[in-house]
């Protein structure tokens, strides 16, 4: 699929147990993205999203704020070409 990119991001801060995954899920579905979001054992929220670059850029900006109960310290992002392996966006 042309014009599709992949965003891999790790969100650091107080981001588990505050509705962060549900927040990411809602935004990703709104933007028509595919991929997944999950809590890691080390307290980081990790996600992989694929779709149009503009939508991924918007999601990345959302990650820097997060839901109101969260405190985001930083977001590390890596970009690459989409693999088109996902049909939907889900929570893992």
PDB file of N, CA and C in Angstrom:
ATOM      1  N   UNK A   1       0.854  -1.179   0.000  1.00  0.00           N
ATOM      2  CA  UNK A   1       0.000   0.000   0.000  1.00  0.00           C
ATOM      3  C   UNK A   1       0.894   1.233   0.000  1.00  0.00           C
ATOM      4  N   UNK A   2       0.797   2.024  -1.001  1.00  0.00           N
ATOM      5  CA  UNK A   2       1.642   3.210  -1.088  1.00  0.00           C
ATOM      6  C   UNK A   2       1.159   4.282  -0.121  1.00  0.00           C
ATOM      7  N   UNK A   3       2.090   5.080   0.322  1.00  0.00           N
ATOM      8  CA  UNK A   3       1.749   6.161   1.231  1.00  0.00           C
ATOM      9  C   UNK A   3       1.474   5.715   2.650  1.00  0.00           C
ATOM     10  N   UNK A   4       1.838   4.474   2.970  1.00  0.00           N
ATOM     11  CA  UNK A   4       1.609   3.962   4.310  1.00  0.00           C
ATOM     12  C   UNK A   4       2.941   3.846   5.046  1.00  0.00           C
ATOM     13  N   UNK A   5       2.936   4.219   6.315  1.00  0.00           N
ATOM     14  CA  UNK A   5       4.131   4.157   7.136  1.00  0.00           C
ATOM     15  C   UNK A   5       3.855   3.366   8.397  1.00  0.00           C
ATOM     16  N   UNK A   6       4.941   3.073   9.129  1.00  0.00           N
ATOM     17  CA  UNK A   6       4.855   2.364  10.398  1.00  0.00           C
ATOM     18  C   UNK A   6       5.500   3.223  11.477  1.00  0.00           C
ATOM     19  N   UNK A   7       4.790   3.371  12.598  1.00  0.00           N
ATOM     20  CA  UNK A   7       5.300   4.065  13.768  1.00  0.00           C
ATOM     21  C   UNK A   7       5.428   3.060  14.903  1.00  0.00           C
ATOM     22  N   UNK A   8       6.636   2.918  15.423  1.00  0.00           N
ATOM     23  CA  UNK A   8       6.862   2.142  16.636  1.00  0.00           C
ATOM     24  C   UNK A   8       7.193   3.156  17.724  1.00  0.00           C
ATOM     25  N   UNK A   9       6.472   3.117  18.832  1.00  0.00           N
ATOM     26  CA  UNK A   9       6.698   4.118  19.876  1.00  0.00           C
ATOM     27  C   UNK A   9       6.687   3.475  21.255  1.00  0.00           C
ATOM     28  N   UNK A  10       7.497   4.057  22.136  1.00  0.00           N
ATOM     29  CA  UNK A  10       7.529   3.675  23.538  1.00  0.00           C
ATOM     30  C   UNK A  10       7.224   4.944  24.335  1.00  0.00           C
ATOM     31  N   UNK A  11       6.242   4.833  25.234  1.00  0.00           N
ATOM     32  CA  UNK A  11       5.804   5.981  26.024  1.00  0.00           C
ATOM     33  C   UNK A  11       6.254   5.773  27.467  1.00  0.00           C
ATOM     34  N   UNK A  12       7.038   6.737  27.963  1.00  0.00           N
ATOM     35  CA  UNK A  12       7.604   6.667  29.305  1.00  0.00           C
ATOM     36  C   UNK A  12       6.882   7.624  30.233  1.00  0.00           C
ATOM     37  N   UNK A  13       6.745   7.240  31.504  1.00  0.00           N
ATOM     38  CA  UNK A  13       6.104   8.090  32.497  1.00  0.00           C
ATOM     39  C   UNK A  13       5.112   7.276  33.312  1.00  0.00           C
ATOM     40  N   UNK A  14       4.125   7.960  33.879  1.00  0.00           N
ATOM     41  CA  UNK A  14       3.052   7.297  34.619  1.00  0.00           C
ATOM     42  C   UNK A  14       1.957   6.987  33.601  1.00  0.00           C
ATOM     43  N   UNK A  15       2.147   5.864  32.889  1.00  0.00           N
ATOM     44  CA  UNK A  15       1.295   5.581  31.732  1.00  0.00           C
ATOM     45  C   UNK A  15       0.603   4.220  31.801  1.00  0.00           C
ATOM     46  N   UNK A  16       0.757   3.502  32.917  1.00  0.00           N
ATOM     47  CA  UNK A  16       0.035   2.239  33.081  1.00  0.00           C
ATOM     48  C   UNK A  16      -0.978   2.385  34.204  1.00  0.00           C
ATOM     49  N   UNK A  17      -2.150   1.744  34.011  1.00  0.00           N
ATOM     50  CA  UNK A  17      -3.204   1.821  35.010  1.00  0.00           C
ATOM     51  C   UNK A  17      -3.955   3.145  34.999  1.00  0.00           C
ATOM     52  N   UNK A  18      -3.812   3.904  33.912  1.00  0.00           N
ATOM     53  CA  UNK A  18      -4.450   5.220  33.818  1.00  0.00           C
ATOM     54  C   UNK A  18      -5.285   5.355  32.549  1.00  0.00           C
ATOM     55  N   UNK A  19      -5.577   4.228  31.891  1.00  0.00           N
ATOM     56  CA  UNK A  19      -6.400   4.265  30.684  1.00  0.00           C
ATOM     57  C   UNK A  19      -5.632   4.613  29.419  1.00  0.00           C
ATOM     58  N   UNK A  20      -4.304   4.477  29.462  1.00  0.00           N
ATOM     59  CA  UNK A  20      -3.503   4.885  28.305  1.00  0.00           C
ATOM     60  C   UNK A  20      -3.745   3.997  27.089  1.00  0.00           C
ATOM     61  N   UNK A  21      -3.820   2.681  27.306  1.00  0.00           N
ATOM     62  CA  UNK A  21      -4.053   1.793  26.156  1.00  0.00           C
ATOM     63  C   UNK A  21      -5.405   2.058  25.509  1.00  0.00           C
ATOM     64  N   UNK A  22      -6.434   2.273  26.323  1.00  0.00           N
ATOM     65  CA  UNK A  22      -7.770   2.572  25.783  1.00  0.00           C
ATOM     66  C   UNK A  22      -7.752   3.896  25.020  1.00  0.00           C
ATOM     67  N   UNK A  23      -7.000   4.872  25.549  1.00  0.00           N
ATOM     68  CA  UNK A  23      -6.833   6.168  24.882  1.00  0.00           C
ATOM     69  C   UNK A  23      -6.199   5.974  23.504  1.00  0.00           C
ATOM     70  N   UNK A  24      -5.123   5.192  23.453  1.00  0.00           N
ATOM     71  CA  UNK A  24      -4.435   4.939  22.176  1.00  0.00           C
ATOM     72  C   UNK A  24      -5.365   4.190  21.217  1.00  0.00           C
ATOM     73  N   UNK A  25      -6.072   3.195  21.725  1.00  0.00           N
ATOM     74  CA  UNK A  25      -7.002   2.425  20.901  1.00  0.00           C
ATOM     75  C   UNK A  25      -8.051   3.327  20.267  1.00  0.00           C
ATOM     76  N   UNK A  26      -8.677   4.185  21.072  1.00  0.00           N
ATOM     77  CA  UNK A  26      -9.709   5.093  20.547  1.00  0.00           C
ATOM     78  C   UNK A  26      -9.140   6.003  19.456  1.00  0.00           C
ATOM     79  N   UNK A  27      -7.979   6.586  19.715  1.00  0.00           N
ATOM     80  CA  UNK A  27      -7.378   7.491  18.730  1.00  0.00           C
ATOM     81  C   UNK A  27      -7.010   6.743  17.451  1.00  0.00           C
ATOM     82  N   UNK A  28      -6.400   5.577  17.590  1.00  0.00           N
ATOM     83  CA  UNK A  28      -5.974   4.815  16.414  1.00  0.00           C
ATOM     84  C   UNK A  28      -7.181   4.423  15.553  1.00  0.00           C
ATOM     85  N   UNK A  29      -8.263   4.006  16.198  1.00  0.00           N
ATOM     86  CA  UNK A  29      -9.469   3.638  15.445  1.00  0.00           C
ATOM     87  C   UNK A  29     -10.054   4.866  14.757  1.00  0.00           C
ATOM     88  N   UNK A  30     -10.046   6.002  15.453  1.00  0.00           N
ATOM     89  CA  UNK A  30     -10.557   7.245  14.876  1.00  0.00           C
ATOM     90  C   UNK A  30      -9.765   7.626  13.624  1.00  0.00           C
ATOM     91  N   UNK A  31      -8.457   7.409  13.666  1.00  0.00           N
ATOM     92  CA  UNK A  31      -7.584   7.797  12.557  1.00  0.00           C
ATOM     93  C   UNK A  31      -7.456   6.716  11.486  1.00  0.00           C
ATOM     94  N   UNK A  32      -8.128   5.566  11.683  1.00  0.00           N
ATOM     95  CA  UNK A  32      -8.091   4.508  10.684  1.00  0.00           C
ATOM     96  C   UNK A  32      -6.776   3.750  10.624  1.00  0.00           C
ATOM     97  N   UNK A  33      -6.078   3.660  11.763  1.00  0.00           N
ATOM     98  CA  UNK A  33      -4.787   2.979  11.804  1.00  0.00           C
ATOM     99  C   UNK A  33      -4.945   1.505  12.175  1.00  0.00           C
ATOM    100  N   UNK A  34      -3.940   0.721  11.872  1.00  0.00           N
ATOM    101  CA  UNK A  34      -3.896  -0.677  12.277  1.00  0.00           C
ATOM    102  C   UNK A  34      -2.655  -0.887  13.144  1.00  0.00           C
ATOM    103  N   UNK A  35      -2.648  -1.989  13.903  1.00  0.00           N
ATOM    104  CA  UNK A  35      -1.501  -2.307  14.746  1.00  0.00           C
ATOM    105  C   UNK A  35      -1.942  -2.717  16.137  1.00  0.00           C
ATOM    106  N   UNK A  36      -1.141  -2.352  17.152  1.00  0.00           N
ATOM    107  CA  UNK A  36      -1.442  -2.765  18.524  1.00  0.00           C
ATOM    108  C   UNK A  36      -0.785  -1.833  19.538  1.00  0.00           C
ATOM    109  N   UNK A  37      -1.288  -1.909  20.773  1.00  0.00           N
ATOM    110  CA  UNK A  37      -0.702  -1.206  21.912  1.00  0.00           C
ATOM    111  C   UNK A  37      -0.682  -2.189  23.077  1.00  0.00           C
ATOM    112  N   UNK A  38       0.360  -2.113  23.922  1.00  0.00           N
ATOM    113  CA  UNK A  38       0.447  -3.015  25.065  1.00  0.00           C
ATOM    114  C   UNK A  38       1.242  -2.363  26.196  1.00  0.00           C
ATOM    115  N   UNK A  39       0.988  -2.869  27.415  1.00  0.00           N
ATOM    116  CA  UNK A  39       1.798  -2.512  28.570  1.00  0.00           C
ATOM    117  C   UNK A  39       2.984  -3.456  28.632  1.00  0.00           C
ATOM    118  N   UNK A  40       4.174  -2.916  28.851  1.00  0.00           N
ATOM    119  CA  UNK A  40       5.353  -3.752  29.057  1.00  0.00           C
ATOM    120  C   UNK A  40       5.587  -3.925  30.549  1.00  0.00           C
ATOM    121  N   UNK A  41       6.244  -5.021  30.954  1.00  0.00           N
ATOM    122  CA  UNK A  41       6.504  -5.260  32.381  1.00  0.00           C
ATOM    123  C   UNK A  41       7.339  -4.158  33.037  1.00  0.00           C
ATOM    124  N   UNK A  42       8.108  -3.413  32.249  1.00  0.00           N
ATOM    125  CA  UNK A  42       8.973  -2.361  32.809  1.00  0.00           C
ATOM    126  C   UNK A  42       8.262  -1.019  32.989  1.00  0.00           C
ATOM    127  N   UNK A  43       6.922  -0.991  32.792  1.00  0.00           N
ATOM    128  CA  UNK A  43       6.162   0.233  33.034  1.00  0.00           C
ATOM    129  C   UNK A  43       5.979   1.117  31.812  1.00  0.00           C
ATOM    130  N   UNK A  44       6.518   0.686  30.691  1.00  0.00           N
ATOM    131  CA  UNK A  44       6.413   1.453  29.444  1.00  0.00           C
ATOM    132  C   UNK A  44       5.194   0.976  28.658  1.00  0.00           C
ATOM    133  N   UNK A  45       4.524   1.899  27.987  1.00  0.00           N
ATOM    134  CA  UNK A  45       3.482   1.531  27.028  1.00  0.00           C
ATOM    135  C   UNK A  45       4.136   1.538  25.653  1.00  0.00           C
ATOM    136  N   UNK A  46       3.969   0.432  24.932  1.00  0.00           N
ATOM    137  CA  UNK A  46       4.585   0.272  23.610  1.00  0.00           C
ATOM    138  C   UNK A  46       3.485   0.114  22.576  1.00  0.00           C
ATOM    139  N   UNK A  47       3.704   0.697  21.394  1.00  0.00           N
ATOM    140  CA  UNK A  47       2.717   0.523  20.346  1.00  0.00           C
ATOM    141  C   UNK A  47       3.373   0.459  18.982  1.00  0.00           C
ATOM    142  N   UNK A  48       2.661  -0.165  18.094  1.00  0.00           N
ATOM    143  CA  UNK A  48       3.055  -0.248  16.695  1.00  0.00           C
ATOM    144  C   UNK A  48       1.802   0.105  15.907  1.00  0.00           C
ATOM    145  N   UNK A  49       1.914   1.138  15.087  1.00  0.00           N
ATOM    146  CA  UNK A  49       0.757   1.585  14.314  1.00  0.00           C
ATOM    147  C   UNK A  49       1.157   1.777  12.862  1.00  0.00           C
ATOM    148  N   UNK A  50       0.247   1.433  11.971  1.00  0.00           N
ATOM    149  CA  UNK A  50       0.484   1.607  10.543  1.00  0.00           C
ATOM    150  C   UNK A  50      -0.662   2.372   9.917  1.00  0.00           C
ATOM    151  N   UNK A  51      -0.318   3.212   8.927  1.00  0.00           N
ATOM    152  CA  UNK A  51      -1.325   3.980   8.223  1.00  0.00           C
ATOM    153  C   UNK A  51      -0.689   5.163   7.533  1.00  0.00           C
ATOM    154  N   UNK A  52      -1.500   6.115   7.094  1.00  0.00           N
ATOM    155  CA  UNK A  52      -0.981   7.315   6.433  1.00  0.00           C
ATOM    156  C   UNK A  52      -0.107   8.126   7.390  1.00  0.00           C
ATOM    157  N   UNK A  53       0.976   8.692   6.888  1.00  0.00           N
ATOM    158  CA  UNK A  53       1.919   9.429   7.730  1.00  0.00           C
ATOM    159  C   UNK A  53       1.241  10.553   8.507  1.00  0.00           C
ATOM    160  N   UNK A  54       0.322  11.270   7.873  1.00  0.00           N
ATOM    161  CA  UNK A  54      -0.347  12.385   8.564  1.00  0.00           C
ATOM    162  C   UNK A  54      -1.106  11.885   9.791  1.00  0.00           C
ATOM    163  N   UNK A  55      -1.782  10.751   9.680  1.00  0.00           N
ATOM    164  CA  UNK A  55      -2.532  10.192  10.812  1.00  0.00           C
ATOM    165  C   UNK A  55      -1.575   9.718  11.905  1.00  0.00           C
ATOM    166  N   UNK A  56      -0.455   9.130  11.504  1.00  0.00           N
ATOM    167  CA  UNK A  56       0.544   8.676  12.479  1.00  0.00           C
ATOM    168  C   UNK A  56       1.178   9.860  13.197  1.00  0.00           C
ATOM    169  N   UNK A  57       1.434  10.940  12.476  1.00  0.00           N
ATOM    170  CA  UNK A  57       1.980  12.149  13.097  1.00  0.00           C
ATOM    171  C   UNK A  57       1.009  12.695  14.146  1.00  0.00           C
ATOM    172  N   UNK A  58      -0.286  12.668  13.835  1.00  0.00           N
ATOM    173  CA  UNK A  58      -1.303  13.142  14.773  1.00  0.00           C
ATOM    174  C   UNK A  58      -1.333  12.245  16.006  1.00  0.00           C
ATOM    175  N   UNK A  59      -1.279  10.921  15.798  1.00  0.00           N
ATOM    176  CA  UNK A  59      -1.252   9.983  16.925  1.00  0.00           C
ATOM    177  C   UNK A  59      -0.021  10.237  17.790  1.00  0.00           C
ATOM    178  N   UNK A  60       1.126  10.460  17.170  1.00  0.00           N
ATOM    179  CA  UNK A  60       2.355  10.712  17.922  1.00  0.00           C
ATOM    180  C   UNK A  60       2.203  11.948  18.813  1.00  0.00           C
ATOM    181  N   UNK A  61       1.573  12.992  18.291  1.00  0.00           N
ATOM    182  CA  UNK A  61       1.327  14.186  19.107  1.00  0.00           C
ATOM    183  C   UNK A  61       0.394  13.861  20.279  1.00  0.00           C
ATOM    184  N   UNK A  62      -0.629  13.029  20.029  1.00  0.00           N
ATOM    185  CA  UNK A  62      -1.552  12.617  21.094  1.00  0.00           C
ATOM    186  C   UNK A  62      -0.813  11.858  22.194  1.00  0.00           C
ATOM    187  N   UNK A  63       0.161  11.032  21.793  1.00  0.00           N
ATOM    188  CA  UNK A  63       0.905  10.227  22.767  1.00  0.00           C
ATOM    189  C   UNK A  63       1.671  11.108  23.742  1.00  0.00           C
ATOM    190  N   UNK A  64       2.115  12.261  23.279  1.00  0.00           N
ATOM    191  CA  UNK A  64       2.914  13.151  24.126  1.00  0.00           C
ATOM    192  C   UNK A  64       2.083  13.790  25.232  1.00  0.00           C
ATOM    193  N   UNK A  65       0.758  13.782  25.061  1.00  0.00           N
ATOM    194  CA  UNK A  65      -0.156  14.314  26.071  1.00  0.00           C
ATOM    195  C   UNK A  65      -0.788  13.185  26.866  1.00  0.00           C
ATOM    196  N   UNK A  66      -1.345  12.191  26.148  1.00  0.00           N
ATOM    197  CA  UNK A  66      -1.996  11.066  26.806  1.00  0.00           C
ATOM    198  C   UNK A  66      -3.323  11.445  27.435  1.00  0.00           C
ATOM    199  N   UNK A  67      -3.978  10.471  28.068  1.00  0.00           N
ATOM    200  CA  UNK A  67      -5.235  10.769  28.763  1.00  0.00           C
ATOM    201  C   UNK A  67      -4.943  11.610  30.005  1.00  0.00           C
ATOM    202  N   UNK A  68      -5.979  12.230  30.549  1.00  0.00           N
ATOM    203  CA  UNK A  68      -5.799  13.193  31.645  1.00  0.00           C
ATOM    204  C   UNK A  68      -5.160  12.579  32.885  1.00  0.00           C
ATOM    205  N   UNK A  69      -5.373  11.298  33.148  1.00  0.00           N
ATOM    206  CA  UNK A  69      -4.825  10.664  34.361  1.00  0.00           C
ATOM    207  C   UNK A  69      -3.342  10.300  34.217  1.00  0.00           C
ATOM    208  N   UNK A  70      -2.806  10.403  33.013  1.00  0.00           N
ATOM    209  CA  UNK A  70      -1.417   9.988  32.785  1.00  0.00           C
ATOM    210  C   UNK A  70      -0.447  11.158  32.897  1.00  0.00           C
ATOM    211  N   UNK A  71       0.819  10.822  33.093  1.00  0.00           N
ATOM    212  CA  UNK A  71       1.897  11.800  33.034  1.00  0.00           C
ATOM    213  C   UNK A  71       2.954  11.244  32.087  1.00  0.00           C
ATOM    214  N   UNK A  72       3.099  11.872  30.925  1.00  0.00           N
ATOM    215  CA  UNK A  72       4.050  11.393  29.924  1.00  0.00           C
ATOM    216  C   UNK A  72       5.373  12.146  30.106  1.00  0.00           C
ATOM    217  N   UNK A  73       6.445  11.392  30.350  1.00  0.00           N
ATOM    218  CA  UNK A  73       7.775  11.997  30.475  1.00  0.00           C
ATOM    219  C   UNK A  73       8.418  12.171  29.109  1.00  0.00           C
ATOM    220  N   UNK A  74       8.333  11.132  28.295  1.00  0.00           N
ATOM    221  CA  UNK A  74       8.872  11.237  26.938  1.00  0.00           C
ATOM    222  C   UNK A  74       8.303  10.121  26.066  1.00  0.00           C
ATOM    223  N   UNK A  75       8.399  10.339  24.747  1.00  0.00           N
ATOM    224  CA  UNK A  75       7.975   9.349  23.764  1.00  0.00           C
ATOM    225  C   UNK A  75       9.136   9.121  22.803  1.00  0.00           C
ATOM    226  N   UNK A  76       9.590   7.882  22.702  1.00  0.00           N
ATOM    227  CA  UNK A  76      10.603   7.512  21.715  1.00  0.00           C
ATOM    228  C   UNK A  76       9.883   6.933  20.512  1.00  0.00           C
ATOM    229  N   UNK A  77      10.207   7.414  19.321  1.00  0.00           N
ATOM    230  CA  UNK A  77       9.517   6.963  18.110  1.00  0.00           C
ATOM    231  C   UNK A  77      10.521   6.515  17.062  1.00  0.00           C
ATOM    232  N   UNK A  78      10.191   5.423  16.400  1.00  0.00           N
ATOM    233  CA  UNK A  78      10.973   4.933  15.269  1.00  0.00           C
ATOM    234  C   UNK A  78      10.014   4.789  14.084  1.00  0.00           C
ATOM    235  N   UNK A  79      10.500   5.170  12.905  1.00  0.00           N
ATOM    236  CA  UNK A  79       9.675   5.140  11.696  1.00  0.00           C
ATOM    237  C   UNK A  79      10.204   4.101  10.716  1.00  0.00           C
ATOM    238  N   UNK A  80       9.290   3.540   9.949  1.00  0.00           N
ATOM    239  CA  UNK A  80       9.670   2.596   8.910  1.00  0.00           C
ATOM    240  C   UNK A  80       8.531   2.417   7.929  1.00  0.00           C
ATOM    241  N   UNK A  81       8.754   1.576   6.923  1.00  0.00           N
ATOM    242  CA  UNK A  81       7.688   1.302   5.957  1.00  0.00           C
ATOM    243  C   UNK A  81       6.645   0.354   6.555  1.00  0.00           C
ATOM    244  N   UNK A  82       5.405   0.534   6.178  1.00  0.00           N
ATOM    245  CA  UNK A  82       4.333  -0.343   6.663  1.00  0.00           C
ATOM    246  C   UNK A  82       4.493  -1.740   6.086  1.00  0.00           C
ATOM    247  N   UNK A  83       4.161  -2.728   6.909  1.00  0.00           N
ATOM    248  CA  UNK A  83       4.197  -4.120   6.462  1.00  0.00           C
ATOM    249  C   UNK A  83       2.821  -4.583   5.990  1.00  0.00           C
ATOM    250  N   UNK A  84       1.793  -3.836   6.369  1.00  0.00           N
ATOM    251  CA  UNK A  84       0.395  -4.179   6.051  1.00  0.00           C
ATOM    252  C   UNK A  84      -0.010  -5.542   6.601  1.00  0.00           C
ATOM    253  N   UNK A  85       0.617  -5.961   7.722  1.00  0.00           N
ATOM    254  CA  UNK A  85       0.312  -7.269   8.302  1.00  0.00           C
ATOM    255  C   UNK A  85      -0.893  -7.239   9.230  1.00  0.00           C
ATOM    256  N   UNK A  86      -1.364  -6.033   9.599  1.00  0.00           N
ATOM    257  CA  UNK A  86      -2.470  -5.937  10.558  1.00  0.00           C
ATOM    258  C   UNK A  86      -3.757  -5.524   9.831  1.00  0.00           C
ATOM    259  N   UNK A  87      -4.882  -6.076  10.311  1.00  0.00           N
ATOM    260  CA  UNK A  87      -6.185  -5.728   9.743  1.00  0.00           C
ATOM    261  C   UNK A  87      -6.901  -4.699  10.600  1.00  0.00           C
ATOM    262  N   UNK A  88      -6.611  -4.721  11.900  1.00  0.00           N
ATOM    263  CA  UNK A  88      -7.293  -3.830  12.856  1.00  0.00           C
ATOM    264  C   UNK A  88      -6.261  -3.292  13.836  1.00  0.00           C
ATOM    265  N   UNK A  89      -6.702  -2.421  14.718  1.00  0.00           N
ATOM    266  CA  UNK A  89      -5.862  -1.958  15.821  1.00  0.00           C
ATOM    267  C   UNK A  89      -6.410  -2.551  17.103  1.00  0.00           C
ATOM    268  N   UNK A  90      -5.542  -3.138  17.916  1.00  0.00           N
ATOM    269  CA  UNK A  90      -6.021  -3.791  19.125  1.00  0.00           C
ATOM    270  C   UNK A  90      -5.095  -3.604  20.308  1.00  0.00           C
ATOM    271  N   UNK A  91      -5.614  -4.018  21.484  1.00  0.00           N
ATOM    272  CA  UNK A  91      -4.830  -3.990  22.714  1.00  0.00           C
ATOM    273  C   UNK A  91      -4.281  -5.385  22.957  1.00  0.00           C
ATOM    274  N   UNK A  92      -3.002  -5.447  23.273  1.00  0.00           N
ATOM    275  CA  UNK A  92      -2.381  -6.755  23.559  1.00  0.00           C
ATOM    276  C   UNK A  92      -2.128  -6.895  25.054  1.00  0.00           C
TER     277      UNK A  92
END
